[in-house]
C-alpha atoms as a PDB file:
ATOM      1  CA  MET A   1     -41.898  11.564  56.932  1.00  0.00           C
ATOM      2  CA  SER A   2     -42.652   8.785  54.411  1.00  0.00           C
ATOM      3  CA  PHE A   3     -40.337   5.847  53.642  1.00  0.00           C
ATOM      4  CA  THR A   4     -39.546   7.265  50.190  1.00  0.00           C
ATOM      5  CA  ALA A   5     -38.817  10.726  51.552  1.00  0.00           C
ATOM      6  CA  ARG A   6     -36.467   9.254  54.172  1.00  0.00           C
ATOM      7  CA  CYS A   7     -34.767   7.100  51.536  1.00  0.00           C
ATOM      8  CA  VAL A   8     -34.228   9.945  49.090  1.00  0.00           C
ATOM      9  CA  GLU A   9     -33.186  12.361  51.842  1.00  0.00           C
ATOM     10  CA  SER A  10     -30.591   9.972  53.213  1.00  0.00           C
ATOM     11  CA  THR A  11     -29.252   9.281  49.733  1.00  0.00           C
ATOM     12  CA  PHE A  12     -29.095  12.859  48.522  1.00  0.00           C
ATOM     13  CA  GLY A  13     -28.481  14.686  51.775  1.00  0.00           C
ATOM     14  CA  GLY A  14     -24.883  13.711  52.477  1.00  0.00           C
ATOM     15  CA  ALA A  15     -22.150  16.275  52.900  1.00  0.00           C
ATOM     16  CA  ARG A  16     -20.824  17.682  49.664  1.00  0.00           C
ATOM     17  CA  GLY A  17     -17.269  17.550  50.909  1.00  0.00           C
ATOM     18  CA  SER A  18     -14.928  20.471  51.422  1.00  0.00           C
ATOM     19  CA  GLU A  19     -14.560  22.891  48.531  1.00  0.00           C
ATOM     20  CA  GLN A  20     -11.211  24.208  47.407  1.00  0.00           C
ATOM     21  CA  MET A  21     -10.239  27.733  48.353  1.00  0.00           C
ATOM     22  CA  SER A  22     -10.373  28.686  44.667  1.00  0.00           C
ATOM     23  CA  PRO A  23     -13.748  27.929  43.078  1.00  0.00           C
ATOM     24  CA  PRO A  24     -13.921  25.573  40.093  1.00  0.00           C
ATOM     25  CA  THR A  25     -15.006  26.812  36.669  1.00  0.00           C
ATOM     26  CA  LEU A  26     -17.985  25.384  34.798  1.00  0.00           C
ATOM     27  CA  ILE A  27     -17.265  25.471  31.047  1.00  0.00           C
ATOM     28  CA  LEU A  28     -20.424  25.473  28.931  1.00  0.00           C
ATOM     29  CA  SER A  29     -20.803  24.907  25.197  1.00  0.00           C
ATOM     30  CA  PRO A  30     -22.063  27.797  23.027  1.00  0.00           C
ATOM     31  CA  ARG A  31     -25.469  26.130  22.717  1.00  0.00           C
ATOM     32  CA  HIS A  32     -27.919  27.705  25.165  1.00  0.00           C
ATOM     33  CA  THR A  33     -30.276  25.094  26.644  1.00  0.00           C
ATOM     34  CA  ASP A  34     -32.569  25.007  29.663  1.00  0.00           C
ATOM     35  CA  ASP A  35     -30.219  22.461  31.260  1.00  0.00           C
ATOM     36  CA  SER A  36     -27.070  24.528  30.795  1.00  0.00           C
ATOM     37  CA  GLN A  37     -28.854  27.612  32.093  1.00  0.00           C
ATOM     38  CA  ALA A  38     -30.027  25.688  35.184  1.00  0.00           C
ATOM     39  CA  LEU A  39     -26.480  24.483  35.907  1.00  0.00           C
ATOM     40  CA  TRP A  40     -25.186  28.034  35.291  1.00  0.00           C
ATOM     41  CA  ARG A  41     -27.549  29.358  37.970  1.00  0.00           C
ATOM     42  CA  ALA A  42     -26.620  26.551  40.394  1.00  0.00           C
ATOM     43  CA  ALA A  43     -22.906  27.280  39.940  1.00  0.00           C
ATOM     44  CA  ILE A  44     -23.378  31.027  40.397  1.00  0.00           C
ATOM     45  CA  ALA A  45     -25.356  30.366  43.583  1.00  0.00           C
ATOM     46  CA  ARG A  46     -22.290  28.541  44.921  1.00  0.00           C
ATOM     47  CA  GLN A  47     -20.061  31.410  43.816  1.00  0.00           C
ATOM     48  CA  TRP A  48     -18.300  29.190  41.309  1.00  0.00           C
ATOM     49  CA  ASP A  49     -16.941  30.602  38.070  1.00  0.00           C
ATOM     50  CA  VAL A  50     -18.847  29.982  34.822  1.00  0.00           C
ATOM     51  CA  HIS A  51     -17.627  30.501  31.262  1.00  0.00           C
ATOM     52  CA  ARG A  52     -19.740  29.918  28.157  1.00  0.00           C
ATOM     53  CA  LEU A  53     -17.756  29.327  24.981  1.00  0.00           C
ATOM     54  CA  ALA A  54     -18.438  31.595  22.016  1.00  0.00           C
ATOM     55  CA  SER A  55     -17.659  28.797  19.522  1.00  0.00           C
ATOM     56  CA  TRP A  56     -16.990  25.059  19.438  1.00  0.00           C
ATOM     57  CA  ARG A  57     -13.377  25.593  20.461  1.00  0.00           C
ATOM     58  CA  ILE A  58     -11.694  26.226  23.798  1.00  0.00           C
ATOM     59  CA  ASP A  59     -10.844  29.922  23.932  1.00  0.00           C
ATOM     60  CA  GLU A  60      -8.152  31.707  25.959  1.00  0.00           C
ATOM     61  CA  ALA A  61     -10.443  32.364  28.913  1.00  0.00           C
ATOM     62  CA  ALA A  62     -11.425  28.696  29.175  1.00  0.00           C
ATOM     63  CA  ALA A  63      -7.816  27.550  28.780  1.00  0.00           C
ATOM     64  CA  ALA A  64      -6.810  29.808  31.681  1.00  0.00           C
ATOM     65  CA  ALA A  65      -9.727  28.791  33.920  1.00  0.00           C
ATOM     66  CA  ARG A  66      -9.102  27.410  37.398  1.00  0.00           C
ATOM     67  CA  ASP A  67     -10.140  23.794  37.971  1.00  0.00           C
ATOM     68  CA  PRO A  68     -12.311  23.600  34.818  1.00  0.00           C
ATOM     69  CA  PHE A  69     -15.061  21.062  34.235  1.00  0.00           C
ATOM     70  CA  LEU A  70     -17.295  20.613  31.191  1.00  0.00           C
ATOM     71  CA  TYR A  71     -20.993  20.379  30.464  1.00  0.00           C
ATOM     72  CA  ALA A  72     -21.423  19.921  26.723  1.00  0.00           C
ATOM     73  CA  GLU A  73     -23.191  17.937  24.013  1.00  0.00           C
ATOM     74  CA  ALA A  74     -22.040  14.343  23.524  1.00  0.00           C
ATOM     75  CA  LEU A  75     -20.782  14.935  19.980  1.00  0.00           C
ATOM     76  CA  PHE A  76     -18.554  17.867  20.967  1.00  0.00           C
ATOM     77  CA  GLY A  77     -17.542  17.100  24.563  1.00  0.00           C
ATOM     78  CA  PRO A  78     -14.544  14.851  23.766  1.00  0.00           C
ATOM     79  CA  THR A  79     -13.068  17.404  21.341  1.00  0.00           C
ATOM     80  CA  LEU A  80     -13.474  20.233  23.857  1.00  0.00           C
ATOM     81  CA  ALA A  81     -11.949  18.063  26.605  1.00  0.00           C
ATOM     82  CA  GLU A  82      -8.921  17.270  24.456  1.00  0.00           C
ATOM     83  CA  GLN A  83      -8.391  20.963  23.744  1.00  0.00           C
ATOM     84  CA  LEU A  84      -8.783  21.763  27.442  1.00  0.00           C
ATOM     85  CA  GLY A  85      -6.394  18.999  28.521  1.00  0.00           C
ATOM     86  CA  VAL A  86      -8.863  17.126  30.712  1.00  0.00           C
ATOM     87  CA  THR A  87     -10.446  13.668  30.648  1.00  0.00           C
ATOM     88  CA  LEU A  88     -14.188  13.077  30.551  1.00  0.00           C
ATOM     89  CA  VAL A  89     -15.583  10.092  32.461  1.00  0.00           C
ATOM     90  CA  ASP A  90     -17.397   7.883  29.941  1.00  0.00           C
ATOM     91  CA  PRO A  91     -19.120   4.526  30.474  1.00  0.00           C
ATOM     92  CA  PRO A  92     -17.434   1.521  28.824  1.00  0.00           C
ATOM     93  CA  GLU A  93     -19.113   0.765  25.501  1.00  0.00           C
ATOM     94  CA  ASP A  94     -19.917  -2.805  26.567  1.00  0.00           C
ATOM     95  CA  TRP A  95     -21.177  -1.942  30.082  1.00  0.00           C
ATOM     96  CA  LEU A  96     -24.858  -2.579  29.361  1.00  0.00           C
ATOM     97  CA  CYS A  97     -24.365  -5.916  27.626  1.00  0.00           C
ATOM     98  CA  ARG A  98     -22.174  -7.166  30.521  1.00  0.00           C
ATOM     99  CA  LEU A  99     -24.950  -6.652  33.070  1.00  0.00           C
ATOM    100  CA  PRO A 100     -26.407  -9.796  34.668  1.00  0.00           C
ATOM    101  CA  GLU A 101     -29.878 -10.674  33.364  1.00  0.00           C
ATOM    102  CA  GLN A 102     -31.496  -9.620  36.648  1.00  0.00           C
ATOM    103  CA  TYR A 103     -30.588  -6.006  35.870  1.00  0.00           C
ATOM    104  CA  CYS A 104     -31.193  -5.812  32.113  1.00  0.00           C
ATOM    105  CA  ARG A 105     -34.022  -8.367  31.541  1.00  0.00           C
ATOM    106  CA  ARG A 106     -33.440  -8.476  27.789  1.00  0.00           C
ATOM    107  CA  SER A 107     -30.777  -9.640  25.341  1.00  0.00           C
ATOM    108  CA  ILE A 108     -28.171  -6.972  24.487  1.00  0.00           C
ATOM    109  CA  GLU A 109     -24.953  -7.231  22.505  1.00  0.00           C
ATOM    110  CA  LEU A 110     -22.174  -4.877  21.447  1.00  0.00           C
ATOM    111  CA  SER A 111     -21.733  -5.165  17.690  1.00  0.00           C
ATOM    112  CA  THR A 112     -21.095  -3.027  14.619  1.00  0.00           C
ATOM    113  CA  LEU A 113     -23.385  -1.111  12.313  1.00  0.00           C
ATOM    114  CA  GLY A 114     -22.287  -3.367   9.448  1.00  0.00           C
ATOM    115  CA  GLU A 115     -23.412  -6.470  11.321  1.00  0.00           C
ATOM    116  CA  ALA A 116     -26.671  -4.772  12.263  1.00  0.00           C
ATOM    117  CA  ARG A 117     -27.341  -4.091   8.576  1.00  0.00           C
ATOM    118  CA  CYS A 118     -27.029  -7.829   7.895  1.00  0.00           C
ATOM    119  CA  ARG A 119     -29.655  -8.892  10.421  1.00  0.00           C
ATOM    120  CA  SER A 120     -32.920 -10.391   9.247  1.00  0.00           C
ATOM    121  CA  THR A 121     -35.071  -9.064  12.085  1.00  0.00           C
ATOM    122  CA  ARG A 122     -35.851  -5.716  13.668  1.00  0.00           C
ATOM    123  CA  ALA A 123     -33.958  -4.690  16.810  1.00  0.00           C
ATOM    124  CA  PHE A 124     -33.409  -1.756  19.109  1.00  0.00           C
ATOM    125  CA  ILE A 125     -30.134  -0.190  17.965  1.00  0.00           C
ATOM    126  CA  LYS A 126     -28.154   2.741  19.348  1.00  0.00           C
ATOM    127  CA  PRO A 127     -24.583   4.066  19.500  1.00  0.00           C
ATOM    128  CA  PRO A 128     -23.135   3.147  22.924  1.00  0.00           C
ATOM    129  CA  ASN A 129     -22.062   6.578  24.168  1.00  0.00           C
ATOM    130  CA  ASP A 130     -23.212   9.315  21.827  1.00  0.00           C
ATOM    131  CA  LYS A 131     -26.167  10.496  19.780  1.00  0.00           C
ATOM    132  CA  SER A 132     -24.702  10.006  16.304  1.00  0.00           C
ATOM    133  CA  PHE A 133     -28.103   8.704  15.222  1.00  0.00           C
ATOM    134  CA  PRO A 134     -31.359   8.259  17.171  1.00  0.00           C
ATOM    135  CA  ALA A 135     -31.781   5.208  19.382  1.00  0.00           C
ATOM    136  CA  ALA A 136     -34.788   3.316  18.040  1.00  0.00           C
ATOM    137  CA  VAL A 137     -36.170   0.018  16.810  1.00  0.00           C
ATOM    138  CA  TYR A 138     -34.878  -0.476  13.248  1.00  0.00           C
ATOM    139  CA  THR A 139     -35.260  -2.985  10.450  1.00  0.00           C
ATOM    140  CA  PRO A 140     -31.938  -3.456   8.614  1.00  0.00           C
ATOM    141  CA  ASP A 141     -33.025  -1.270   5.666  1.00  0.00           C
ATOM    142  CA  GLN A 142     -33.952   1.604   8.019  1.00  0.00           C
ATOM    143  CA  LEU A 143     -30.493   1.989   9.531  1.00  0.00           C
ATOM    144  CA  PRO A 144     -28.618   5.201   8.600  1.00  0.00           C
ATOM    145  CA  SER A 145     -26.255   4.833   5.658  1.00  0.00           C
ATOM    146  CA  ALA A 146     -24.026   7.823   6.481  1.00  0.00           C
ATOM    147  CA  PHE A 147     -21.875   5.935   8.999  1.00  0.00           C
ATOM    148  CA  ASP A 148     -19.063   3.389   8.523  1.00  0.00           C
ATOM    149  CA  ALA A 149     -19.797  -0.299   8.852  1.00  0.00           C
ATOM    150  CA  ASP A 150     -17.285  -0.669  11.721  1.00  0.00           C
ATOM    151  CA  MET A 151     -19.104   1.876  13.909  1.00  0.00           C
ATOM    152  CA  ALA A 152     -19.881   0.339  17.328  1.00  0.00           C
ATOM    153  CA  VAL A 153     -23.574  -0.091  18.194  1.00  0.00           C
ATOM    154  CA  LEU A 154     -25.607  -1.796  20.879  1.00  0.00           C
ATOM    155  CA  ILE A 155     -28.222  -4.221  19.539  1.00  0.00           C
ATOM    156  CA  ALA A 156     -31.017  -5.121  21.933  1.00  0.00           C
ATOM    157  CA  GLU A 157     -34.231  -7.093  21.996  1.00  0.00           C
ATOM    158  CA  PRO A 158     -37.136  -4.633  21.613  1.00  0.00           C
ATOM    159  CA  VAL A 159     -39.044  -4.182  24.882  1.00  0.00           C
ATOM    160  CA  ALA A 160     -41.572  -1.672  26.242  1.00  0.00           C
ATOM    161  CA  PHE A 161     -40.585   0.354  29.302  1.00  0.00           C
ATOM    162  CA  GLU A 162     -43.626   1.477  31.285  1.00  0.00           C
ATOM    163  CA  SER A 163     -41.679   4.452  32.646  1.00  0.00           C
ATOM    164  CA  GLU A 164     -38.082   5.632  32.735  1.00  0.00           C
ATOM    165  CA  PHE A 165     -36.199   7.456  35.488  1.00  0.00           C
ATOM    166  CA  ARG A 166     -32.882   9.319  35.315  1.00  0.00           C
ATOM    167  CA  CYS A 167     -30.494   8.916  38.252  1.00  0.00           C
ATOM    168  CA  PHE A 168     -27.348  11.034  38.634  1.00  0.00           C
ATOM    169  CA  VAL A 169     -24.838   8.882  40.513  1.00  0.00           C
ATOM    170  CA  LEU A 170     -21.660   9.910  42.356  1.00  0.00           C
ATOM    171  CA  ASP A 171     -19.442   7.341  44.072  1.00  0.00           C
ATOM    172  CA  ARG A 172     -22.171   4.719  43.676  1.00  0.00           C
ATOM    173  CA  ALA A 173     -24.813   6.826  45.425  1.00  0.00           C
ATOM    174  CA  VAL A 174     -27.852   8.450  43.796  1.00  0.00           C
ATOM    175  CA  ARG A 175     -27.589  12.228  44.110  1.00  0.00           C
ATOM    176  CA  ALA A 176     -30.623  13.264  42.023  1.00  0.00           C
ATOM    177  CA  LEU A 177     -33.453  11.522  40.207  1.00  0.00           C
ATOM    178  CA  SER A 178     -36.357  12.363  37.934  1.00  0.00           C
ATOM    179  CA  LEU A 179     -39.016  10.632  35.860  1.00  0.00           C
ATOM    180  CA  TYR A 180     -38.449  11.506  32.189  1.00  0.00           C
ATOM    181  CA  SER A 181     -40.602   9.138  30.153  1.00  0.00           C
ATOM    182  CA  ARG A 182     -43.865   7.247  30.473  1.00  0.00           C
ATOM    183  CA  LEU A 183     -44.958   4.649  27.898  1.00  0.00           C
ATOM    184  CA  GLY A 184     -42.336   5.996  25.492  1.00  0.00           C
ATOM    185  CA  GLU A 185     -43.469   9.614  25.726  1.00  0.00           C
ATOM    186  CA  VAL A 186     -40.837  12.045  27.001  1.00  0.00           C
ATOM    187  CA  ILE A 187     -42.119  14.123  29.917  1.00  0.00           C
ATOM    188  CA  PRO A 188     -39.112  16.131  31.163  1.00  0.00           C
ATOM    189  CA  ASN A 189     -40.498  16.931  34.620  1.00  0.00           C
ATOM    190  CA  GLY A 190     -43.441  14.580  34.901  1.00  0.00           C
ATOM    191  CA  PRO A 191     -45.041  13.501  38.186  1.00  0.00           C
ATOM    192  CA  SER A 192     -44.263  10.162  39.805  1.00  0.00           C
ATOM    193  CA  SER A 193     -45.781   8.461  42.835  1.00  0.00           C
ATOM    194  CA  GLU A 194     -44.096   7.578  46.115  1.00  0.00           C
ATOM    195  CA  THR A 195     -44.651   3.923  45.250  1.00  0.00           C
ATOM    196  CA  GLU A 196     -42.776   4.330  41.955  1.00  0.00           C
ATOM    197  CA  ARG A 197     -39.894   6.193  43.570  1.00  0.00           C
ATOM    198  CA  ALA A 198     -39.617   3.606  46.345  1.00  0.00           C
ATOM    199  CA  ALA A 199     -39.495   0.791  43.756  1.00  0.00           C
ATOM    200  CA  LEU A 200     -36.865   2.710  41.787  1.00  0.00           C
ATOM    201  CA  MET A 201     -34.673   3.232  44.842  1.00  0.00           C
ATOM    202  CA  GLU A 202     -34.972  -0.422  45.839  1.00  0.00           C
ATOM    203  CA  PHE A 203     -33.839  -1.507  42.372  1.00  0.00           C
ATOM    204  CA  VAL A 204     -31.072   1.024  41.789  1.00  0.00           C
ATOM    205  CA  SER A 205     -29.680   0.723  45.329  1.00  0.00           C
ATOM    206  CA  GLY A 206     -29.278  -3.030  44.825  1.00  0.00           C
ATOM    207  CA  LEU A 207     -27.581  -2.386  41.490  1.00  0.00           C
ATOM    208  CA  LEU A 208     -25.139   0.113  43.001  1.00  0.00           C
ATOM    209  CA  ARG A 209     -24.322  -2.192  45.918  1.00  0.00           C
ATOM    210  CA  ASP A 210     -23.483  -5.136  43.639  1.00  0.00           C
ATOM    211  CA  ASP A 211     -19.696  -5.492  43.768  1.00  0.00           C
ATOM    212  CA  ALA A 212     -19.730  -7.563  40.561  1.00  0.00           C
ATOM    213  CA  ILE A 213     -20.618  -4.428  38.570  1.00  0.00           C
ATOM    214  CA  ASP A 214     -18.161  -1.638  37.840  1.00  0.00           C
ATOM    215  CA  PHE A 215     -19.377   1.967  37.763  1.00  0.00           C
ATOM    216  CA  PRO A 216     -17.650   5.141  36.651  1.00  0.00           C
ATOM    217  CA  HIS A 217     -16.983   7.557  39.522  1.00  0.00           C
ATOM    218  CA  ALA A 218     -19.663   9.877  38.126  1.00  0.00           C
ATOM    219  CA  CYS A 219     -22.395   8.719  35.753  1.00  0.00           C
ATOM    220  CA  VAL A 220     -26.091   8.677  34.928  1.00  0.00           C
ATOM    221  CA  VAL A 221     -28.124   5.474  35.234  1.00  0.00           C
ATOM    222  CA  ASP A 222     -31.543   5.306  33.560  1.00  0.00           C
ATOM    223  CA  CYS A 223     -33.914   2.660  34.938  1.00  0.00           C
ATOM    224  CA  GLY A 224     -37.545   1.648  34.598  1.00  0.00           C
ATOM    225  CA  PRO A 225     -39.965  -1.287  34.670  1.00  0.00           C
ATOM    226  CA  ILE A 226     -40.312  -3.348  31.479  1.00  0.00           C
ATOM    227  CA  GLU A 227     -43.838  -4.516  30.746  1.00  0.00           C
ATOM    228  CA  GLY A 228     -44.223  -8.083  32.014  1.00  0.00           C
ATOM    229  CA  ARG A 229     -40.588  -8.362  33.184  1.00  0.00           C
ATOM    230  CA  GLY A 230     -39.922  -5.935  36.024  1.00  0.00           C
ATOM    231  CA  TRP A 231     -37.366  -3.238  36.767  1.00  0.00           C
ATOM    232  CA  ALA A 232     -34.310  -2.985  34.523  1.00  0.00           C
ATOM    233  CA  VAL A 233     -31.506  -0.661  33.474  1.00  0.00           C
ATOM    234  CA  VAL A 234     -32.328   1.336  30.364  1.00  0.00           C
ATOM    235  CA  GLU A 235     -28.766   2.549  29.803  1.00  0.00           C
ATOM    236  CA  LEU A 236     -25.701   4.132  31.406  1.00  0.00           C
ATOM    237  CA  ASN A 237     -24.784   7.669  30.311  1.00  0.00           C
ATOM    238  CA  ALA A 238     -21.953  10.130  30.809  1.00  0.00           C
ATOM    239  CA  ALA A 239     -22.894  12.789  33.361  1.00  0.00           C
ATOM    240  CA  TRP A 240     -21.011  15.614  31.598  1.00  0.00           C
ATOM    241  CA  GLY A 241     -23.523  15.698  28.721  1.00  0.00           C
ATOM    242  CA  ALA A 242     -26.724  14.191  30.139  1.00  0.00           C
ATOM    243  CA  GLY A 243     -30.018  16.060  30.230  1.00  0.00           C
ATOM    244  CA  ILE A 244     -31.110  16.843  33.773  1.00  0.00           C
ATOM    245  CA  TYR A 245     -34.895  16.691  33.190  1.00  0.00           C
ATOM    246  CA  GLY A 246     -36.581  17.372  36.551  1.00  0.00           C
ATOM    247  CA  CYS A 247     -33.504  16.693  38.708  1.00  0.00           C
ATOM    248  CA  ASN A 248     -32.306  19.296  41.194  1.00  0.00           C
ATOM    249  CA  PRO A 249     -29.592  21.265  39.308  1.00  0.00           C
ATOM    250  CA  ASP A 250     -27.590  21.837  42.495  1.00  0.00           C
ATOM    251  CA  ASP A 251     -27.311  18.088  43.129  1.00  0.00           C
ATOM    252  CA  VAL A 252     -26.612  17.420  39.451  1.00  0.00           C
ATOM    253  CA  LEU A 253     -23.788  19.975  39.510  1.00  0.00           C
ATOM    254  CA  ASP A 254     -21.716  17.821  41.886  1.00  0.00           C
ATOM    255  CA  VAL A 255     -21.976  14.820  39.571  1.00  0.00           C
ATOM    256  CA  VAL A 256     -21.186  16.874  36.451  1.00  0.00           C
ATOM    257  CA  ARG A 257     -18.138  18.362  38.143  1.00  0.00           C
ATOM    258  CA  ALA A 258     -16.854  14.900  39.091  1.00  0.00           C
ATOM    259  CA  ALA A 259     -17.235  13.727  35.475  1.00  0.00           C
ATOM    260  CA  THR A 260     -14.227  15.830  34.414  1.00  0.00           C
ATOM    261  CA  ILE A 261     -10.800  14.614  35.535  1.00  0.00           C
ATOM    262  CA  ALA A 262      -7.940  17.095  35.368  1.00  0.00           C
ATOM    263  CA  GLY A 263      -4.760  15.948  33.631  1.00  0.00           C
ATOM    264  CA  GLU A 264      -3.598  12.606  35.008  1.00  0.00           C
ATOM    265  CA  ASP A 265      -5.756  12.656  38.122  1.00  0.00           C
ATOM    266  CA  ASP A 266      -6.881   9.437  39.778  1.00  0.00           C
ATOM    267  CA  ALA A 267      -7.501   6.980  36.916  1.00  0.00           C
ATOM    268  CA  ALA A 268      -9.612   4.865  39.269  1.00  0.00           C
ATOM    269  CA  LYS A 269     -12.381   7.434  38.887  1.00  0.00           C
ATOM    270  CA  LEU A 270     -13.030   6.054  35.404  1.00  0.00           C
ATOM    271  CA  GLY A 271     -14.422   2.879  36.957  1.00  0.00           C
ATOM    272  CA  SER A 272     -15.028   1.842  40.535  1.00  0.00           C
ATOM    273  CA  ARG A 273     -16.165  -1.020  42.710  1.00  0.00           C
ATOM    274  CA  PRO A 274     -17.224  -0.937  46.368  1.00  0.00           C
END
């Protein structure tokens, strides 16, 4: 068995933990996607309950579900969670710009859309935790005008990632990973070499072991090498709405489930250190 295979097996192959006597219920948005269908099949294979909403509101069946957890689009997830009476685990808006330089390898700041519109140079700009407008390199006059000036945005130095990998993380351990982009082109289930995967695991394992960095209990970390600079974090995403790309849906399901906290459950799950 190769080094990479041993590394990935030891990371992903841990015990899932004991399941409750009553199965949890996966609540899906009304939008049918390949990802939601894959998680549906993974949940059914475990004999968990699954309920797909008929509209963008929590219905009676969802409200009565046992141990519910959500998989939904970023723009609608918080509203559905509020109606359901649960909390979704979201990354802090300033998480990326607080990373030490060794992990981000570029300048990043948390600012506002109004301040971004006043800049004199182009920059990579994105909303911190949702997809209100596309993440891209913008000149000030290209920024969308439909949003308020006080809207929070991340402003970063433009860089070129050679490739980008998605890592589903639970309790600071990678549970599933997949290449999803190469040279800026999205390739949802593209091939990657053992050398690439070994380099990824070396980088992300060091990141997850660093006790100076807080991580949500369940999250998605995107990483890749920047041309001329080395491996870096692309961004941190919420697991409850992240695309799974080529990741194993069964492994992803554990992370998605952990990204919903029932009622006033353990608040420490929103951020953790070793």
